[in-house]
Structures are given as C-alpha cells and as structure tokens.
Amino acid sequence: MIKFDKLFETLKENGISQYRLYTYYGISRSQIHRLKSNQSVTTHTLDILLNILGEGFTLDDIAEFIPDPMENAG
C-alpha cells in the first residue's frame, strides 16, 4: 500500500493548504480526497505536487510504501 500521510505533513510544514492546491494549482478536490484516503492517483498528479513543493523534494517526502501483509504465506 502507498500512503500519502507524509504529503499532508509536508504541505503543512511548507505553508500550502488544501484550499491553495485546488484554487491556485488546479488539483481537483477529488484528487485531494483520493490522496487523503490513500487511494490510487496518477504519476502526473504526483509530479504536479512535487513541482508545487519545489526543488529538493522527492517521492519520499510525500509518500510511503508499506508492504501488504502476506495472507496464507508459507
């Protein structure tokens, strides 16, 4: 699973609100909702977010990979 909790922490630390994302940067409210719910988003959306944050930010600053538990492994 890819989690986007770090995105909202990073945005807050850099003074970028969700309101600013959809009003000034054109990120749709549905994309913000998908990110908050850790649902799938396109790499295009991730690219836009990293460009909003600026130079020096990477995917590690906005997303975290958590392996799915393996059921019935063995």
Protein backbone atom coordinates (compact mmCIF):
# COMPACT_ATOMS: atom_id res chain seq x y z
CA MET A 1 0.00 0.00 0.00
CA ILE A 2 1.14 3.51 -0.74
CA LYS A 3 0.26 6.00 2.00
CA PHE A 4 0.18 9.77 1.45
CA ASP A 5 0.11 10.91 5.09
CA LYS A 6 3.57 12.42 4.62
CA LEU A 7 2.22 14.61 1.82
CA PHE A 8 -0.13 16.49 4.10
CA GLU A 9 2.55 16.90 6.76
CA THR A 10 4.98 18.24 4.15
CA LEU A 11 2.38 20.61 2.70
CA LYS A 12 1.56 21.95 6.17
CA GLU A 13 5.24 22.45 7.02
CA ASN A 14 5.63 24.46 3.81
CA GLY A 15 2.52 26.59 4.28
CA ILE A 16 0.50 25.05 1.45
CA SER A 17 -3.16 24.40 2.28
CA GLN A 18 -5.59 22.09 0.55
CA TYR A 19 -7.57 25.20 -0.43
CA ARG A 20 -4.48 26.55 -2.17
CA LEU A 21 -3.98 23.25 -4.02
CA TYR A 22 -7.36 23.35 -5.70
CA THR A 23 -7.76 27.12 -6.01
CA TYR A 24 -4.33 28.16 -7.26
CA TYR A 25 -2.70 24.96 -8.52
CA GLY A 26 -5.65 23.18 -10.15
CA ILE A 27 -5.52 19.97 -8.12
CA SER A 28 -9.11 18.75 -8.06
CA ARG A 29 -10.90 18.15 -4.79
CA SER A 30 -11.47 14.56 -5.85
CA GLN A 31 -7.70 14.05 -6.22
CA ILE A 32 -7.13 15.53 -2.76
CA HIS A 33 -9.79 13.16 -1.39
CA ARG A 34 -8.10 10.20 -3.12
CA LEU A 35 -4.76 11.19 -1.59
CA LYS A 36 -6.28 11.57 1.88
CA SER A 37 -7.89 8.14 1.52
CA ASN A 38 -4.64 6.54 0.28
CA GLN A 39 -6.32 5.57 -2.98
CA SER A 40 -4.56 5.33 -6.33
CA VAL A 41 -3.51 8.52 -8.10
CA THR A 42 -1.62 9.05 -11.32
CA THR A 43 2.07 9.76 -11.55
CA HIS A 44 1.01 13.01 -13.25
CA THR A 45 -0.66 14.13 -10.01
CA LEU A 46 2.44 13.22 -8.00
CA ASP A 47 4.60 15.14 -10.49
CA ILE A 48 2.40 18.23 -10.10
CA LEU A 49 2.59 18.03 -6.31
CA LEU A 50 6.37 17.73 -6.32
CA ASN A 51 6.62 20.70 -8.69
CA ILE A 52 4.41 22.71 -6.33
CA LEU A 53 6.72 21.87 -3.42
CA GLY A 54 9.76 22.73 -5.49
CA GLU A 55 13.34 21.65 -5.93
CA GLY A 56 14.77 19.26 -3.39
CA PHE A 57 11.55 17.33 -2.69
CA THR A 58 11.19 13.69 -3.70
CA LEU A 59 8.53 10.99 -3.56
CA ASP A 60 9.93 10.03 -0.15
CA ASP A 61 8.72 13.40 1.14
CA ILE A 62 5.11 12.80 0.09
CA ALA A 63 4.53 9.04 0.06
CA GLU A 64 5.40 5.92 1.99
CA PHE A 65 5.31 2.31 0.82
CA ILE A 66 4.01 -0.23 3.30
CA PRO A 67 4.03 -3.84 2.08
CA ASP A 68 0.69 -5.61 2.17
CA PRO A 69 0.59 -8.44 4.69
CA MET A 70 1.01 -11.80 3.03
CA GLU A 71 -2.00 -13.97 3.78
CA ASN A 72 -1.65 -17.71 3.75
CA ALA A 73 2.05 -17.46 3.01
CA GLY A 74 4.12 -20.49 3.59
